[in-house]
């Protein structure tokens, strides 16, 4: 059964083997598929493959819990130190600094809270309709025990109820065993009041962190049998948190860091609260960039997960590069306030144009994509952020070359035109601080890419994957080079078109031979010679990645007739909240977690084999 929305077809199928009609699971899966197909919206671009639970499909660990708790600590420390510093400025009668510090706290936080509450309103809207649809589905499943006629009527009721389930809530609908009917009106009102108060108090992200901890604990405690019921909700909650916190970090922490450093340099003195606030803002920036990359990789089954060692390396990389960048900004802004504003606007315009020219594919519409590119342009003022699929080595080299040149120019301008109250020794120490910080950031970036990258060492992956034992001797250097020139990125394997491997018979002078013996000799030579094409598994079929994609091969499959977005974009079912509702509704009524499949994975196996010559 397929439904169309926005011009794209979506179908829901069940890959489980047929069961007897006396089993509730059979009817539950069937009616859930029917209900979901009637309500599933079209997703914009996204990609394929069997879906798995969060965190690599593995159990929620104590390390994952500690990571969320540390994220909460970073969040509170960043906001609390800024507010404390603003109060200190007010008590010191520095009303100008007090106003600027408070503005960079309140305004970005309010923007993020509005966005978070908007997501809650969309997810929680028509909760009673979603619960009714789930209840109708469970009733239909129970009715199959009586007669075939009751089964047909129950399925029809579930399909009819699914008309309202199109706007189903992302909040968990009760399962067949737990539901007690539609949620009471007083509970719904209390939830609305509770969420409204939380967001007015600027604590929307805190609630999402706590909810993620709860879902992770439930996933851990319920064991393998029931863990799937929390997988999708935990994945969606983690994605929402990282998106909101990343936006807040670059709207609040980044300008706050530059402001406090400028005040310290301008006054030629460092207050303890100023240093504490600046340090908390810097850690928040580095933390959220690394956390965003980890959650994004964990959400995609075509990418290997990022280890916590790699995350720590990323945090140190961004900590030192952003630190050097912001210190250079503060030095220049302490002397040239007007020119600093012109420089920031010019840099943002150039970077935004560069990103738009790269034709990113993150959002559902053209205007949303432009707004997203403008926000990424703000990120590019401070650090590197990959927004384009494919090899990023050249783009990253260009960005850091420009950043290094700007840091040198800004620091040199401050050193030349600094005030008379700044001694030469102090100025030299500051210049060395900028240079050493950038060098340390570059060092940790190389550590990450050379040793800790999830896909393996960047400098050795391609050649190590191409040179197999005996391959050079059989095929020569030309075969190795040809193999290395084939597309090898996991994100490109869905687009590879291959043909069956073929072999060429070896020709030789056989003289006058009996036709039967000639045919047998030809077949013997063909079997003994090396094949022209040798099968090599693509990187996407590595054991670790296959474990990610094979953890859930049964159950309902939501098929979307659209191509998949390429990494580093989020999959459409993370961006399109209508599709989220469908997944969560189907998850609560199915014995196993539903899987997502896009157009590129409907044409055949995901593990596409590549053929390379050895002649």
Protein backbone atom coordinates (compact mmCIF):
# COMPACT_ATOMS: atom_id res chain seq x y z
CA UNK A 1 0.00 0.00 0.00
CA UNK A 2 1.41 3.39 -0.89
CA UNK A 3 0.45 6.91 -0.10
CA UNK A 4 1.50 10.07 -1.88
CA UNK A 5 2.43 13.33 -0.24
CA UNK A 6 4.25 16.17 -1.93
CA UNK A 7 4.56 14.05 -5.01
CA UNK A 8 6.57 11.17 -3.50
CA UNK A 9 5.33 7.67 -2.87
CA UNK A 10 5.72 6.02 0.50
CA UNK A 11 4.93 2.37 1.12
CA UNK A 12 4.96 0.28 4.24
CA UNK A 13 5.69 -3.42 4.03
CA UNK A 14 6.30 -6.18 6.55
CA UNK A 15 9.28 -8.44 5.91
CA UNK A 16 8.35 -10.86 8.69
CA UNK A 17 7.35 -14.37 7.58
CA UNK A 18 3.59 -15.06 7.70
CA UNK A 19 2.18 -16.23 10.98
CA UNK A 20 -1.10 -17.81 11.90
CA UNK A 21 -4.04 -15.53 12.38
CA UNK A 22 -4.29 -16.57 16.00
CA UNK A 23 -1.05 -14.73 16.78
CA UNK A 24 -1.63 -11.11 17.75
CA UNK A 25 1.72 -10.09 16.29
CA UNK A 26 0.54 -10.90 12.77
CA UNK A 27 -2.48 -8.67 12.86
CA UNK A 28 -0.67 -5.98 14.77
CA UNK A 29 2.05 -5.74 12.15
CA UNK A 30 -0.47 -5.87 9.32
CA UNK A 31 -2.75 -3.20 10.68
CA UNK A 32 0.19 -1.07 11.73
CA UNK A 33 1.50 -1.19 8.19
CA UNK A 34 -1.90 -0.22 6.85
CA UNK A 35 -2.28 2.63 9.31
CA UNK A 36 1.18 3.91 8.63
CA UNK A 37 0.83 3.75 4.88
CA UNK A 38 -2.31 5.84 5.10
CA UNK A 39 -0.57 8.45 7.19
CA UNK A 40 3.00 8.47 6.02
CA UNK A 41 4.08 11.77 4.45
CA UNK A 42 6.70 12.03 1.81
CA UNK A 43 10.13 12.75 2.99
CA UNK A 44 12.47 14.86 1.01
CA UNK A 45 15.74 13.31 -0.01
CA UNK A 46 17.35 10.76 2.23
CA UNK A 47 18.86 7.41 2.11
CA UNK A 48 18.73 3.86 2.49
CA UNK A 49 19.32 0.71 4.17
CA UNK A 50 17.95 -1.24 7.03
CA UNK A 51 17.59 0.85 10.12
CA UNK A 52 19.04 0.11 13.47
CA UNK A 53 18.78 1.38 17.00
CA UNK A 54 20.78 4.30 18.29
CA UNK A 55 24.30 4.04 19.50
CA UNK A 56 25.25 1.51 16.90
CA UNK A 57 22.33 -0.78 17.72
CA UNK A 58 24.06 -1.70 20.99
CA UNK A 59 22.86 -1.42 24.54
CA UNK A 60 22.86 1.96 26.23
CA UNK A 61 26.05 1.99 28.29
CA UNK A 62 27.23 3.82 31.38
CA UNK A 63 29.63 5.77 29.17
CA UNK A 64 26.71 7.08 27.12
CA UNK A 65 24.98 8.18 30.32
CA UNK A 66 28.13 9.94 31.54
CA UNK A 67 28.41 11.72 28.20
CA UNK A 68 24.90 13.17 28.55
CA UNK A 69 25.61 14.21 32.16
CA UNK A 70 28.80 15.97 31.06
CA UNK A 71 26.81 17.73 28.34
CA UNK A 72 24.39 18.96 31.00
CA UNK A 73 27.32 20.20 33.08
CA UNK A 74 28.72 22.10 30.09
CA UNK A 75 25.30 23.64 29.43
CA UNK A 76 24.81 24.84 33.01
CA UNK A 77 28.37 26.09 33.41
CA UNK A 78 28.17 28.14 30.23
CA UNK A 79 24.88 29.83 31.11
CA UNK A 80 25.58 30.27 34.83
CA UNK A 81 29.00 31.89 34.38
CA UNK A 82 27.60 34.35 31.82
CA UNK A 83 24.75 35.39 34.12
CA UNK A 84 27.10 35.64 37.09
CA UNK A 85 29.46 37.84 35.11
CA UNK A 86 26.59 40.06 33.94
CA UNK A 87 25.52 40.55 37.56
CA UNK A 88 29.09 41.41 38.49
CA UNK A 89 29.25 44.06 35.76
CA UNK A 90 26.02 45.54 37.07
CA UNK A 91 27.37 45.72 40.62
CA UNK A 92 30.53 47.40 39.31
CA UNK A 93 28.39 49.99 37.48
CA UNK A 94 29.69 48.80 34.10
CA UNK A 95 26.25 49.07 32.55
CA UNK A 96 27.51 48.94 28.97
CA UNK A 97 29.30 45.62 29.49
CA UNK A 98 26.39 44.38 31.58
CA UNK A 99 23.93 45.07 28.76
CA UNK A 100 26.04 43.42 26.07
CA UNK A 101 26.74 40.36 28.20
CA UNK A 102 23.08 39.94 29.08
CA UNK A 103 21.93 40.42 25.48
CA UNK A 104 24.23 37.63 24.26
CA UNK A 105 22.68 35.37 26.89
CA UNK A 106 18.98 36.16 26.67
CA UNK A 107 18.41 36.68 22.93
CA UNK A 108 20.06 33.46 21.61
CA UNK A 109 18.50 31.44 24.41
CA UNK A 110 15.05 32.82 23.59
CA UNK A 111 15.49 31.98 19.90
CA UNK A 112 16.45 28.40 20.72
CA UNK A 113 13.57 28.03 23.20
CA UNK A 114 11.06 29.22 20.61
CA UNK A 115 12.37 26.67 18.12
CA UNK A 116 12.33 23.91 20.75
CA UNK A 117 8.78 24.74 21.81
CA UNK A 118 7.67 24.83 18.18
CA UNK A 119 9.01 21.30 17.75
CA UNK A 120 7.19 20.22 20.91
CA UNK A 121 3.91 21.74 19.67
CA UNK A 122 4.20 19.91 16.37
CA UNK A 123 5.18 16.60 18.00
CA UNK A 124 2.58 16.73 20.76
CA UNK A 125 -0.31 18.02 18.63
CA UNK A 126 -3.33 15.72 18.40
CA UNK A 127 -1.95 13.30 20.96
CA UNK A 128 -5.40 11.86 21.48
CA UNK A 129 -5.70 11.07 17.77
CA UNK A 130 -2.43 9.14 17.82
CA UNK A 131 -3.43 7.22 20.93
CA UNK A 132 -6.79 6.40 19.38
CA UNK A 133 -5.08 5.06 16.27
CA UNK A 134 -2.80 2.89 18.38
CA UNK A 135 -5.78 1.68 20.39
CA UNK A 136 -7.71 0.80 17.25
CA UNK A 137 -4.69 -1.10 15.97
CA UNK A 138 -4.41 -3.11 19.19
CA UNK A 139 -8.15 -3.84 19.17
CA UNK A 140 -7.87 -5.08 15.61
CA UNK A 141 -5.00 -7.36 16.62
CA UNK A 142 -7.06 -8.83 19.47
CA UNK A 143 -10.09 -9.30 17.27
CA UNK A 144 -8.27 -11.72 14.97
CA UNK A 145 -8.73 -14.49 17.50
CA UNK A 146 -12.48 -14.62 16.97
CA UNK A 147 -13.04 -14.83 13.25
CA UNK A 148 -11.83 -13.71 9.85
CA UNK A 149 -14.73 -11.30 9.66
CA UNK A 150 -13.68 -9.55 12.86
CA UNK A 151 -10.11 -9.35 11.60
CA UNK A 152 -11.21 -7.55 8.45
CA UNK A 153 -13.33 -5.14 10.46
CA UNK A 154 -10.49 -4.43 12.90
CA UNK A 155 -8.05 -3.73 10.08
CA UNK A 156 -10.54 -1.39 8.47
CA UNK A 157 -10.98 0.43 11.77
CA UNK A 158 -7.24 0.78 12.16
CA UNK A 159 -6.86 2.09 8.64
CA UNK A 160 -9.65 4.59 9.22
CA UNK A 161 -8.09 5.72 12.47
CA UNK A 162 -4.84 6.23 10.64
CA UNK A 163 -6.34 9.20 8.86
CA UNK A 164 -5.90 11.14 12.07
CA UNK A 165 -2.55 9.51 12.73
CA UNK A 166 -0.94 11.55 9.99
CA UNK A 167 -0.34 14.15 12.64
CA UNK A 168 0.57 11.57 15.25
CA UNK A 169 2.71 12.72 18.12
CA UNK A 170 6.36 11.90 18.44
CA UNK A 171 5.73 11.31 22.12
CA UNK A 172 5.44 7.61 22.84
CA UNK A 173 1.97 6.20 22.29
CA UNK A 174 1.06 3.44 24.73
CA UNK A 175 1.63 -0.13 23.66
CA UNK A 176 -1.09 -2.75 23.53
CA UNK A 177 -0.10 -4.07 26.92
CA UNK A 178 0.21 -0.72 28.64
CA UNK A 179 -2.48 1.46 27.13
CA UNK A 180 -5.49 2.34 29.17
CA UNK A 181 -7.40 4.20 26.47
CA UNK A 182 -7.07 7.74 25.26
CA UNK A 183 -5.01 10.13 27.41
CA UNK A 184 -7.07 12.11 29.83
CA UNK A 185 -7.66 15.72 29.04
CA UNK A 186 -6.22 16.84 32.37
CA UNK A 187 -2.94 15.01 31.59
CA UNK A 188 -2.71 16.72 28.23
CA UNK A 189 -3.32 20.14 29.79
CA UNK A 190 -0.72 19.47 32.47
CA UNK A 191 1.85 18.50 29.83
CA UNK A 192 1.20 21.71 27.89
CA UNK A 193 1.55 23.81 31.06
CA UNK A 194 4.68 21.94 32.12
CA UNK A 195 6.40 22.40 28.75
CA UNK A 196 5.36 26.06 28.54
CA UNK A 197 6.83 26.81 31.96
CA UNK A 198 10.02 24.93 31.12
CA UNK A 199 10.58 26.90 27.93
CA UNK A 200 9.74 30.23 29.58
CA UNK A 201 12.42 29.42 32.17
CA UNK A 202 14.83 28.67 29.29
CA UNK A 203 15.12 25.01 30.32
CA UNK A 204 13.84 23.29 27.20
CA UNK A 205 17.21 21.69 26.44
CA UNK A 206 17.52 20.48 30.03
CA UNK A 207 14.25 18.60 29.73
CA UNK A 208 15.37 17.05 26.46
CA UNK A 209 18.63 15.90 28.05
CA UNK A 210 16.73 14.34 30.96
CA UNK A 211 14.30 12.69 28.57
CA UNK A 212 17.22 11.23 26.60
CA UNK A 213 18.66 9.83 29.84
CA UNK A 214 15.28 8.30 30.66
CA UNK A 215 14.95 6.69 27.24
CA UNK A 216 18.49 5.34 27.43
CA UNK A 217 17.87 3.87 30.88
CA UNK A 218 14.62 2.29 29.71
CA UNK A 219 16.39 0.84 26.69
CA UNK A 220 19.01 -0.64 28.99
CA UNK A 221 16.65 -2.05 31.61
CA UNK A 222 14.12 -3.62 29.25
CA UNK A 223 16.68 -5.86 27.56
CA UNK A 224 16.94 -6.92 23.93
CA UNK A 225 13.29 -7.94 23.53
CA UNK A 226 11.78 -4.53 24.28
CA UNK A 227 14.76 -2.29 23.57
CA UNK A 228 13.58 -1.44 20.07
CA UNK A 229 10.62 0.48 21.48
CA UNK A 230 13.00 3.14 22.78
CA UNK A 231 15.54 3.18 19.95
CA UNK A 232 13.84 5.58 17.57
CA UNK A 233 12.71 7.95 20.31
CA UNK A 234 16.24 8.13 21.72
CA UNK A 235 17.70 8.75 18.27
CA UNK A 236 15.25 11.54 17.51
CA UNK A 237 15.71 13.16 20.92
CA UNK A 238 19.50 13.08 20.60
CA UNK A 239 19.30 14.65 17.14
CA UNK A 240 17.02 17.45 18.40
CA UNK A 241 19.33 18.22 21.32
CA UNK A 242 22.46 18.45 19.21
CA UNK A 243 20.78 20.69 16.61
CA UNK A 244 19.43 23.05 19.26
CA UNK A 245 22.65 23.19 21.27
CA UNK A 246 24.82 23.71 18.19
CA UNK A 247 22.65 26.65 17.15
CA UNK A 248 22.77 28.10 20.65
CA UNK A 249 26.54 27.65 20.89
CA UNK A 250 27.25 29.78 17.84
CA UNK A 251 24.56 32.36 18.61
CA UNK A 252 25.50 32.73 22.28
CA UNK A 253 28.82 31.17 23.28
CA UNK A 254 30.86 32.33 20.27
CA UNK A 255 29.97 36.08 20.43
CA UNK A 256 30.14 35.94 24.24
CA UNK A 257 33.67 34.57 24.04
CA UNK A 258 34.80 37.31 21.66
CA UNK A 259 33.13 39.99 23.80
CA UNK A 260 34.76 38.90 27.05
CA UNK A 261 38.20 38.55 25.47
CA UNK A 262 37.86 42.03 23.97
CA UNK A 263 36.91 43.48 27.38
CA UNK A 264 39.93 41.81 29.00
CA UNK A 265 42.33 43.06 26.34
CA UNK A 266 40.80 46.54 26.26
CA UNK A 267 41.09 46.89 30.04
CA UNK A 268 44.51 45.21 30.17
CA UNK A 269 43.26 43.14 33.10
CA UNK A 270 41.59 39.79 33.62
CA UNK A 271 38.90 39.29 36.23
CA UNK A 272 38.40 35.72 37.51
CA UNK A 273 34.78 35.70 36.37
CA UNK A 274 35.80 36.90 32.91
CA UNK A 275 38.27 34.06 32.51
CA UNK A 276 35.72 31.57 33.82
CA UNK A 277 33.01 32.77 31.46
CA UNK A 278 35.32 32.78 28.44
CA UNK A 279 36.60 29.29 29.26
CA UNK A 280 33.07 27.91 29.64
CA UNK A 281 32.02 29.43 26.31
CA UNK A 282 35.05 27.97 24.56
CA UNK A 283 34.46 24.49 25.98
CA UNK A 284 30.79 24.70 25.02
CA UNK A 285 31.67 25.50 21.41
CA UNK A 286 34.21 22.68 21.06
CA UNK A 287 31.93 20.22 22.88
CA UNK A 288 28.89 20.85 20.72
CA UNK A 289 30.75 20.55 17.41
CA UNK A 290 32.18 17.17 18.41
CA UNK A 291 28.87 16.02 19.90
CA UNK A 292 27.01 16.99 16.74
CA UNK A 293 29.38 14.95 14.58
CA UNK A 294 29.05 11.91 16.85
CA UNK A 295 25.25 11.93 16.92
CA UNK A 296 25.10 12.51 13.16
CA UNK A 297 27.33 9.50 12.49
CA UNK A 298 25.42 7.36 14.99
CA UNK A 299 22.16 8.19 13.21
CA UNK A 300 23.31 6.89 9.81
CA UNK A 301 23.67 3.21 9.03
CA UNK A 302 25.99 3.95 6.09
CA UNK A 303 28.65 5.43 8.37
CA UNK A 304 30.71 3.84 11.10
CA UNK A 305 30.11 5.26 14.60
CA UNK A 306 32.57 7.63 16.20
CA UNK A 307 34.36 6.38 19.29
CA UNK A 308 34.69 8.51 22.39
CA UNK A 309 38.45 8.72 21.82
CA UNK A 310 37.76 10.31 18.45
CA UNK A 311 35.23 12.67 20.06
CA UNK A 312 37.81 13.81 22.62
CA UNK A 313 40.33 14.39 19.83
CA UNK A 314 37.74 16.49 18.00
CA UNK A 315 37.01 18.50 21.15
CA UNK A 316 40.72 19.31 21.58
CA UNK A 317 41.06 20.11 17.87
CA UNK A 318 38.22 22.64 17.94
CA UNK A 319 39.11 23.90 21.41
CA UNK A 320 42.55 25.13 20.35
CA UNK A 321 41.66 26.32 16.83
CA UNK A 322 38.61 28.27 18.04
CA UNK A 323 40.66 29.59 20.95
CA UNK A 324 43.31 30.97 18.62
CA UNK A 325 40.65 32.39 16.33
CA UNK A 326 38.72 34.19 19.07
CA UNK A 327 41.86 35.60 20.68
CA UNK A 328 42.88 37.05 17.31
CA UNK A 329 39.39 38.52 16.95
CA UNK A 330 39.54 40.05 20.43
CA UNK A 331 42.97 41.55 19.85
CA UNK A 332 41.86 43.24 16.64
CA UNK A 333 38.51 44.35 18.08
CA UNK A 334 40.20 46.00 21.07
CA UNK A 335 41.90 48.47 18.69
CA UNK A 336 39.72 48.58 15.55
CA UNK A 337 36.08 48.24 16.59
CA UNK A 338 34.58 49.51 13.34
CA UNK A 339 36.93 47.62 11.08
CA UNK A 340 36.36 44.48 13.09
CA UNK A 341 32.61 44.66 12.35
CA UNK A 342 33.34 45.17 8.66
CA UNK A 343 35.72 42.21 8.69
CA UNK A 344 33.20 39.89 10.36
CA UNK A 345 30.39 40.80 7.94
CA UNK A 346 32.68 40.43 4.93
CA UNK A 347 33.98 37.06 6.09
CA UNK A 348 30.43 35.84 6.73
CA UNK A 349 29.24 36.93 3.28
CA UNK A 350 32.17 35.23 1.53
CA UNK A 351 31.75 32.00 3.46
CA UNK A 352 27.99 31.94 2.95
CA UNK A 353 28.45 32.43 -0.80
CA UNK A 354 31.03 29.64 -0.82
CA UNK A 355 28.62 27.29 0.96
CA UNK A 356 25.70 28.16 -1.33
CA UNK A 357 27.92 27.68 -4.36
CA UNK A 358 28.69 24.17 -3.09
CA UNK A 359 24.97 23.25 -3.45
CA UNK A 360 24.35 21.68 -0.07
CA UNK A 361 21.37 19.38 0.47
CA UNK A 362 20.24 19.55 4.08
CA UNK A 363 16.72 20.99 4.19
CA UNK A 364 13.35 20.30 2.63
CA UNK A 365 12.95 23.52 0.63
CA UNK A 366 15.13 26.00 -1.20
CA UNK A 367 14.53 28.85 1.25
CA UNK A 368 15.20 26.65 4.27
CA UNK A 369 18.44 25.61 2.59
CA UNK A 370 19.48 29.25 2.11
CA UNK A 371 18.73 30.06 5.76
CA UNK A 372 20.69 26.99 6.82
CA UNK A 373 23.64 28.11 4.68
CA UNK A 374 23.54 31.53 6.31
CA UNK A 375 23.70 29.92 9.76
CA UNK A 376 26.61 27.73 8.67
CA UNK A 377 28.29 30.91 7.42
CA UNK A 378 28.27 32.10 11.05
CA UNK A 379 29.92 28.83 12.10
CA UNK A 380 32.57 29.31 9.42
CA UNK A 381 33.58 32.57 11.07
CA UNK A 382 35.03 30.52 13.92
CA UNK A 383 35.79 26.98 12.75
CA UNK A 384 35.54 24.37 10.02
CA UNK A 385 32.22 22.58 9.56
CA UNK A 386 31.76 19.98 6.83
CA UNK A 387 28.52 20.49 4.89
CA UNK A 388 29.32 18.79 1.57
CA UNK A 389 29.55 15.08 0.85
CA UNK A 390 32.67 13.64 -0.69
CA UNK A 391 36.38 14.21 -0.02
CA UNK A 392 36.83 17.34 2.08
CA UNK A 393 40.62 17.45 2.18
CA UNK A 394 40.97 20.24 -0.39
CA UNK A 395 38.15 22.35 1.03
CA UNK A 396 39.49 21.98 4.56
CA UNK A 397 43.00 22.93 3.44
CA UNK A 398 41.68 26.06 1.72
CA UNK A 399 39.63 27.03 4.77
CA UNK A 400 42.47 26.64 7.25
CA UNK A 401 44.90 28.43 4.94
CA UNK A 402 42.52 31.40 4.84
CA UNK A 403 41.98 31.19 8.60
CA UNK A 404 45.72 31.14 9.28
CA UNK A 405 46.28 34.14 7.03
CA UNK A 406 43.47 36.06 8.76
CA UNK A 407 44.78 35.21 12.23
CA UNK A 408 48.25 36.40 11.30
CA UNK A 409 46.91 39.64 9.78
CA UNK A 410 44.62 40.42 12.73
CA UNK A 411 47.31 39.71 15.32
CA UNK A 412 49.94 41.68 13.41
CA UNK A 413 47.59 44.66 13.12
CA UNK A 414 46.99 44.63 16.88
CA UNK A 415 50.70 44.26 17.64
CA UNK A 416 51.51 47.22 15.41
CA UNK A 417 48.78 49.60 16.62
CA UNK A 418 48.36 48.47 20.23
CA UNK A 419 48.04 51.07 22.97
CA UNK A 420 51.00 52.43 24.95
CA UNK A 421 49.86 50.68 28.12
CA UNK A 422 50.64 47.27 26.55
CA UNK A 423 54.25 46.27 27.08
CA UNK A 424 56.30 44.49 24.45
CA UNK A 425 56.75 41.39 26.63
CA UNK A 426 53.01 41.10 27.21
CA UNK A 427 52.30 41.56 23.50
CA UNK A 428 54.86 38.92 22.57
CA UNK A 429 53.31 36.43 24.99
CA UNK A 430 49.86 37.01 23.48
CA UNK A 431 51.17 36.53 19.93
CA UNK A 432 52.87 33.28 20.94
CA UNK A 433 49.63 32.16 22.60
CA UNK A 434 47.72 32.59 19.34
CA UNK A 435 50.38 30.76 17.31
CA UNK A 436 50.76 27.86 19.76
CA UNK A 437 47.00 27.42 20.15
CA UNK A 438 46.49 27.17 16.39
CA UNK A 439 49.41 24.76 16.09
CA UNK A 440 47.99 22.52 18.84
CA UNK A 441 44.58 22.52 17.18
CA UNK A 442 46.15 21.49 13.88
CA UNK A 443 48.07 18.73 15.68
CA UNK A 444 44.92 17.23 17.21
CA UNK A 445 43.17 17.50 13.85
CA UNK A 446 45.95 15.37 12.32
CA UNK A 447 45.70 12.93 15.23
CA UNK A 448 42.01 12.53 14.58
CA UNK A 449 42.32 11.99 10.83
CA UNK A 450 45.46 9.84 10.97
CA UNK A 451 44.58 7.53 13.85
CA UNK A 452 41.06 8.00 15.22
CA UNK A 453 38.82 8.61 12.21
CA UNK A 454 35.90 6.12 12.17
CA UNK A 455 36.64 5.13 8.56
CA UNK A 456 40.29 4.49 9.33
CA UNK A 457 43.47 6.50 8.71
CA UNK A 458 42.92 9.00 5.93
CA UNK A 459 46.45 8.79 4.58
CA UNK A 460 46.51 5.01 4.36
CA UNK A 461 42.94 3.88 3.82
CA UNK A 462 42.75 4.03 0.02
CA UNK A 463 46.09 2.37 -0.66
CA UNK A 464 45.63 -0.26 2.05
CA UNK A 465 42.20 -1.14 0.65
CA UNK A 466 43.47 -1.42 -2.91
CA UNK A 467 46.67 -3.44 -2.44
CA UNK A 468 45.74 -7.03 -1.62
CA UNK A 469 48.15 -9.89 -1.19
CA UNK A 470 49.21 -11.21 -4.57
CA UNK A 471 47.36 -8.48 -6.40
CA UNK A 472 50.43 -6.53 -7.43
CA UNK A 473 52.19 -9.60 -8.70
CA UNK A 474 49.21 -10.70 -10.75
CA UNK A 475 48.00 -7.40 -12.05
CA UNK A 476 50.96 -5.09 -11.83
CA UNK A 477 50.98 -1.48 -10.81
CA UNK A 478 48.38 -0.54 -13.41
CA UNK A 479 45.82 -2.78 -11.76
CA UNK A 480 46.48 -1.25 -8.38
CA UNK A 481 46.18 2.29 -9.69
CA UNK A 482 42.99 1.42 -11.56
CA UNK A 483 41.52 -0.08 -8.41
CA UNK A 484 42.37 2.98 -6.36
CA UNK A 485 40.73 5.24 -8.88
CA UNK A 486 37.37 3.50 -8.49
CA UNK A 487 34.77 5.13 -6.25
CA UNK A 488 35.44 3.89 -2.73
CA UNK A 489 33.43 6.06 -0.43
CA UNK A 490 30.60 4.39 1.40
CA UNK A 491 28.26 7.22 0.45
CA UNK A 492 28.76 6.51 -3.25
CA UNK A 493 28.17 2.79 -3.33
CA UNK A 494 24.45 3.15 -3.88
CA UNK A 495 25.07 4.92 -7.16
CA UNK A 496 27.59 2.39 -8.55
CA UNK A 497 26.35 0.45 -11.57
CA UNK A 498 28.14 -2.83 -12.02
CA UNK A 499 27.98 -5.77 -14.39
CA UNK A 500 28.62 -9.45 -13.66
CA UNK A 501 32.32 -10.37 -13.55
CA UNK A 502 33.62 -11.70 -16.79
CA UNK A 503 36.73 -13.59 -17.88
CA UNK A 504 38.54 -13.55 -21.19
CA UNK A 505 39.78 -16.85 -22.64
CA UNK A 506 43.51 -16.96 -23.22
CA UNK A 507 44.39 -17.35 -26.90
CA UNK A 508 47.30 -19.51 -28.00
CA UNK A 509 48.44 -21.56 -31.01
CA UNK A 510 46.89 -24.98 -30.57
CA UNK A 511 47.66 -26.38 -34.01
CA UNK A 512 45.43 -29.04 -35.54
CA UNK A 513 43.42 -30.55 -32.74
CA UNK A 514 40.32 -32.60 -32.49
CA UNK A 515 37.29 -30.30 -31.99
CA UNK A 516 36.34 -32.00 -28.71
CA UNK A 517 39.87 -31.80 -27.31
CA UNK A 518 40.17 -28.17 -28.47
CA UNK A 519 36.98 -27.24 -26.63
CA UNK A 520 38.12 -29.01 -23.43
CA UNK A 521 41.54 -27.33 -23.64
CA UNK A 522 39.93 -23.93 -24.08
CA UNK A 523 37.71 -24.48 -21.04
CA UNK A 524 40.69 -25.71 -18.97
CA UNK A 525 42.73 -22.64 -19.89
CA UNK A 526 39.84 -20.34 -19.13
CA UNK A 527 39.35 -21.88 -15.68
CA UNK A 528 43.06 -21.80 -14.84
CA UNK A 529 43.81 -18.22 -15.91
CA UNK A 530 43.32 -15.25 -13.63
CA UNK A 531 40.05 -13.38 -14.10
CA UNK A 532 40.06 -10.01 -15.73
CA UNK A 533 37.81 -8.67 -12.97
CA UNK A 534 38.40 -9.48 -9.33
CA UNK A 535 35.68 -8.88 -6.77
CA UNK A 536 36.58 -6.58 -3.90
CA UNK A 537 34.05 -5.60 -1.22
CA UNK A 538 33.44 -1.91 -0.97
CA UNK A 539 34.24 -0.04 2.27
CA UNK A 540 30.54 0.01 3.08
CA UNK A 541 30.59 -3.79 3.38
CA UNK A 542 33.30 -3.87 6.03
CA UNK A 543 32.52 -6.15 9.01
CA UNK A 544 31.88 -3.25 11.36
CA UNK A 545 29.51 -1.54 8.96
CA UNK A 546 27.76 -4.76 8.06
CA UNK A 547 27.12 -5.30 11.77
CA UNK A 548 25.41 -1.93 11.87
CA UNK A 549 23.17 -2.68 8.90
CA UNK A 550 22.33 -6.29 9.71
CA UNK A 551 21.13 -5.86 13.28
CA UNK A 552 17.49 -5.56 12.19
CA UNK A 553 16.62 -7.40 9.00
CA UNK A 554 13.02 -8.23 9.82
CA UNK A 555 9.90 -6.27 10.54
CA UNK A 556 7.96 -3.46 8.86
CA UNK A 557 9.81 -1.56 6.16
CA UNK A 558 8.88 2.02 5.32
CA UNK A 559 9.85 2.47 1.68
CA UNK A 560 10.16 6.02 0.35
CA UNK A 561 10.42 6.65 -3.37
CA UNK A 562 13.12 9.29 -3.00
CA UNK A 563 16.92 9.22 -3.10
CA UNK A 564 18.83 9.40 0.14
CA UNK A 565 20.61 12.51 1.28
CA UNK A 566 24.37 12.17 1.25
CA UNK A 567 26.46 12.45 4.40
CA UNK A 568 26.98 14.85 6.21
CA UNK A 569 23.29 15.68 5.80
CA UNK A 570 20.71 14.25 8.18
CA UNK A 571 18.37 11.61 6.83
CA UNK A 572 14.92 12.91 5.91
CA UNK A 573 13.18 11.02 8.71
CA UNK A 574 15.22 13.10 11.18
CA UNK A 575 14.28 16.41 9.52
CA UNK A 576 10.69 15.72 8.44
CA UNK A 577 8.73 15.49 11.68
CA UNK A 578 5.69 14.06 9.91
CA UNK A 579 7.71 11.01 8.96
CA UNK A 580 8.93 10.79 12.55
CA UNK A 581 5.35 10.42 13.74
CA UNK A 582 4.75 7.60 11.32
CA UNK A 583 7.85 5.73 12.47
CA UNK A 584 7.02 6.12 16.14
CA UNK A 585 3.40 5.07 15.61
CA UNK A 586 4.48 1.96 13.75
CA UNK A 587 7.11 1.22 16.38
CA UNK A 588 4.54 1.10 19.17
CA UNK A 589 2.33 -1.36 17.28
CA UNK A 590 4.96 -3.68 15.82
CA UNK A 591 6.87 -6.53 17.40
CA UNK A 592 10.14 -5.24 15.95
CA UNK A 593 11.47 -1.82 15.12
CA UNK A 594 10.55 -0.52 11.64
CA UNK A 595 13.23 0.03 9.04
CA UNK A 596 13.59 2.87 6.55
CA UNK A 597 14.39 2.22 2.93
CA UNK A 598 14.83 4.84 0.24
CA UNK A 599 14.88 4.63 -3.52
CA UNK A 600 18.60 3.89 -3.87
CA UNK A 601 18.31 0.77 -1.70
CA UNK A 602 15.19 -0.58 -3.42
CA UNK A 603 17.13 -1.60 -6.53
CA UNK A 604 19.11 -4.33 -4.84
CA UNK A 605 21.49 -5.21 -2.08
CA UNK A 606 23.18 -2.36 -0.28
CA UNK A 607 26.52 -4.12 -0.30
CA UNK A 608 27.35 -3.41 -3.94
CA UNK A 609 30.45 -5.15 -5.18
CA UNK A 610 33.09 -3.35 -7.17
CA UNK A 611 35.03 -5.03 -9.93
CA UNK A 612 38.60 -4.11 -10.64
CA UNK A 613 40.97 -5.30 -13.31
CA UNK A 614 44.03 -7.38 -12.49
CA UNK A 615 45.46 -7.51 -16.03
